[in-house]
Amino acid sequence: MFLATLIAIAVCTLRLILFHLGRPPEGTDFLIVHFFALVTIVFFTDHRLLRTDKSAGFPI
């Protein structure tokens, strides 16, 4: 969950920086950044859960 929090903070910070520079993301311009952030959060969170779960049948 620590990594997920860091990624969420990084995305929010990037959005605020763009807003203060006078270039706020409009519409779907920032959609790809949000998509990659969500995919990264889900991947690393689930990867950690699978590594720590002794009953998981997936070899890691």
N, C-alpha and C. Protein backbone atom coordinates (compact mmCIF):
# COMPACT_ATOMS: atom_id res chain seq x y z
N MET A 1 0.81 -1.19 0.00
CA MET A 1 0.00 0.00 0.00
C MET A 1 0.86 1.26 0.00
N PHE A 2 2.08 1.14 0.45
CA PHE A 2 2.98 2.29 0.46
C PHE A 2 3.26 2.76 -0.96
N LEU A 3 3.51 1.80 -1.86
CA LEU A 3 3.78 2.15 -3.26
C LEU A 3 2.55 2.78 -3.91
N ALA A 4 1.38 2.25 -3.60
CA ALA A 4 0.15 2.81 -4.15
C ALA A 4 -0.05 4.25 -3.70
N THR A 5 0.26 4.54 -2.45
CA THR A 5 0.14 5.90 -1.93
C THR A 5 1.13 6.83 -2.61
N LEU A 6 2.35 6.37 -2.81
CA LEU A 6 3.36 7.19 -3.48
C LEU A 6 2.95 7.52 -4.92
N ILE A 7 2.42 6.54 -5.63
CA ILE A 7 2.01 6.77 -7.02
C ILE A 7 0.84 7.74 -7.07
N ALA A 8 -0.12 7.58 -6.16
CA ALA A 8 -1.26 8.50 -6.13
C ALA A 8 -0.80 9.93 -5.83
N ILE A 9 0.13 10.08 -4.92
CA ILE A 9 0.66 11.40 -4.59
C ILE A 9 1.42 11.99 -5.78
N ALA A 10 2.17 11.16 -6.48
CA ALA A 10 2.92 11.64 -7.64
C ALA A 10 1.99 12.11 -8.75
N VAL A 11 0.92 11.39 -9.00
CA VAL A 11 -0.03 11.80 -10.04
C VAL A 11 -0.73 13.10 -9.64
N CYS A 12 -1.13 13.20 -8.40
CA CYS A 12 -1.78 14.44 -7.93
C CYS A 12 -0.81 15.62 -8.01
N THR A 13 0.43 15.40 -7.64
CA THR A 13 1.44 16.46 -7.69
C THR A 13 1.68 16.90 -9.13
N LEU A 14 1.78 15.95 -10.05
CA LEU A 14 1.96 16.30 -11.46
C LEU A 14 0.79 17.12 -11.98
N ARG A 15 -0.41 16.73 -11.60
CA ARG A 15 -1.59 17.47 -12.04
C ARG A 15 -1.59 18.89 -11.47
N LEU A 16 -1.21 19.04 -10.20
CA LEU A 16 -1.16 20.37 -9.60
C LEU A 16 -0.07 21.24 -10.23
N ILE A 17 1.07 20.65 -10.53
CA ILE A 17 2.15 21.40 -11.18
C ILE A 17 1.70 21.90 -12.54
N LEU A 18 1.04 21.04 -13.31
CA LEU A 18 0.55 21.47 -14.62
C LEU A 18 -0.49 22.57 -14.47
N PHE A 19 -1.32 22.48 -13.45
CA PHE A 19 -2.33 23.52 -13.22
C PHE A 19 -1.68 24.85 -12.88
N HIS A 20 -0.65 24.84 -12.04
CA HIS A 20 0.02 26.08 -11.64
C HIS A 20 0.87 26.66 -12.76
N LEU A 21 1.27 25.83 -13.71
CA LEU A 21 2.03 26.34 -14.86
C LEU A 21 1.11 26.93 -15.92
N GLY A 22 -0.19 26.84 -15.69
CA GLY A 22 -1.14 27.40 -16.65
C GLY A 22 -1.53 26.44 -17.75
N ARG A 23 -1.20 25.17 -17.60
CA ARG A 23 -1.55 24.16 -18.59
C ARG A 23 -2.32 23.02 -17.94
N PRO A 24 -3.50 23.30 -17.41
CA PRO A 24 -4.27 22.23 -16.77
C PRO A 24 -4.70 21.20 -17.80
N PRO A 25 -4.62 19.92 -17.45
CA PRO A 25 -5.03 18.88 -18.40
C PRO A 25 -6.53 18.97 -18.66
N GLU A 26 -6.88 19.03 -19.91
CA GLU A 26 -8.29 19.15 -20.31
C GLU A 26 -8.80 17.79 -20.79
N GLY A 27 -9.98 17.47 -20.41
CA GLY A 27 -10.65 16.27 -20.92
C GLY A 27 -9.85 15.01 -20.74
N THR A 28 -9.53 14.38 -21.87
CA THR A 28 -8.84 13.09 -21.84
C THR A 28 -7.32 13.23 -21.99
N ASP A 29 -6.79 14.43 -21.91
CA ASP A 29 -5.34 14.60 -22.06
C ASP A 29 -4.56 13.89 -20.96
N PHE A 30 -5.11 13.87 -19.78
CA PHE A 30 -4.42 13.27 -18.63
C PHE A 30 -4.87 11.83 -18.39
N LEU A 31 -5.77 11.33 -19.25
CA LEU A 31 -6.33 10.00 -19.08
C LEU A 31 -5.26 8.92 -19.12
N ILE A 32 -4.30 9.03 -20.02
CA ILE A 32 -3.26 8.00 -20.16
C ILE A 32 -2.39 7.94 -18.91
N VAL A 33 -2.12 9.09 -18.28
CA VAL A 33 -1.32 9.10 -17.05
C VAL A 33 -2.08 8.42 -15.93
N HIS A 34 -3.37 8.72 -15.81
CA HIS A 34 -4.18 8.05 -14.79
C HIS A 34 -4.27 6.55 -15.04
N PHE A 35 -4.41 6.17 -16.30
CA PHE A 35 -4.49 4.75 -16.66
C PHE A 35 -3.21 4.01 -16.24
N PHE A 36 -2.06 4.55 -16.60
CA PHE A 36 -0.80 3.89 -16.25
C PHE A 36 -0.57 3.87 -14.74
N ALA A 37 -1.00 4.92 -14.05
CA ALA A 37 -0.87 4.93 -12.60
C ALA A 37 -1.74 3.84 -11.97
N LEU A 38 -2.96 3.71 -12.43
CA LEU A 38 -3.84 2.66 -11.89
C LEU A 38 -3.32 1.27 -12.19
N VAL A 39 -2.83 1.06 -13.40
CA VAL A 39 -2.28 -0.26 -13.76
C VAL A 39 -1.07 -0.58 -12.89
N THR A 40 -0.21 0.39 -12.66
CA THR A 40 0.97 0.18 -11.83
C THR A 40 0.58 -0.12 -10.38
N ILE A 41 -0.38 0.62 -9.86
CA ILE A 41 -0.84 0.37 -8.49
C ILE A 41 -1.40 -1.03 -8.35
N VAL A 42 -2.27 -1.42 -9.26
CA VAL A 42 -2.89 -2.75 -9.19
C VAL A 42 -1.84 -3.85 -9.35
N PHE A 43 -0.92 -3.69 -10.29
CA PHE A 43 0.09 -4.73 -10.53
C PHE A 43 0.96 -4.95 -9.29
N PHE A 44 1.53 -3.89 -8.75
CA PHE A 44 2.45 -4.07 -7.63
C PHE A 44 1.75 -4.47 -6.35
N THR A 45 0.52 -3.98 -6.15
CA THR A 45 -0.22 -4.38 -4.96
C THR A 45 -0.58 -5.86 -5.03
N ASP A 46 -1.08 -6.31 -6.17
CA ASP A 46 -1.43 -7.73 -6.31
C ASP A 46 -0.20 -8.62 -6.32
N HIS A 47 0.89 -8.15 -6.88
CA HIS A 47 2.12 -8.93 -6.89
C HIS A 47 2.61 -9.16 -5.46
N ARG A 48 2.53 -8.12 -4.65
CA ARG A 48 2.94 -8.27 -3.25
C ARG A 48 2.02 -9.21 -2.49
N LEU A 49 0.72 -9.11 -2.75
CA LEU A 49 -0.23 -10.01 -2.09
C LEU A 49 0.03 -11.47 -2.48
N LEU A 50 0.32 -11.71 -3.75
CA LEU A 50 0.60 -13.08 -4.19
C LEU A 50 1.90 -13.61 -3.58
N ARG A 51 2.91 -12.75 -3.46
CA ARG A 51 4.19 -13.19 -2.87
C ARG A 51 4.04 -13.55 -1.41
N THR A 52 3.21 -12.85 -0.68
CA THR A 52 3.08 -13.09 0.75
C THR A 52 2.06 -14.16 1.09
N ASP A 53 1.21 -14.56 0.13
CA ASP A 53 0.18 -15.55 0.38
C ASP A 53 0.76 -16.95 0.18
N LYS A 54 0.77 -17.74 1.24
CA LYS A 54 1.36 -19.09 1.16
C LYS A 54 0.45 -20.07 0.42
N SER A 55 -0.85 -19.78 0.36
CA SER A 55 -1.77 -20.72 -0.30
C SER A 55 -1.96 -20.40 -1.78
N ALA A 56 -1.29 -19.37 -2.30
CA ALA A 56 -1.43 -19.04 -3.72
C ALA A 56 -0.77 -20.12 -4.56
N GLY A 57 -1.47 -20.57 -5.57
CA GLY A 57 -0.95 -21.64 -6.42
C GLY A 57 -0.11 -21.15 -7.57
N PHE A 58 0.06 -19.86 -7.68
CA PHE A 58 0.83 -19.29 -8.79
C PHE A 58 2.30 -19.19 -8.38
N PRO A 59 3.19 -19.88 -9.12
CA PRO A 59 4.62 -19.81 -8.75
C PRO A 59 5.24 -18.48 -9.11
N ILE A 60 5.82 -17.84 -8.11
CA ILE A 60 6.49 -16.56 -8.34
C ILE A 60 7.95 -16.69 -7.94
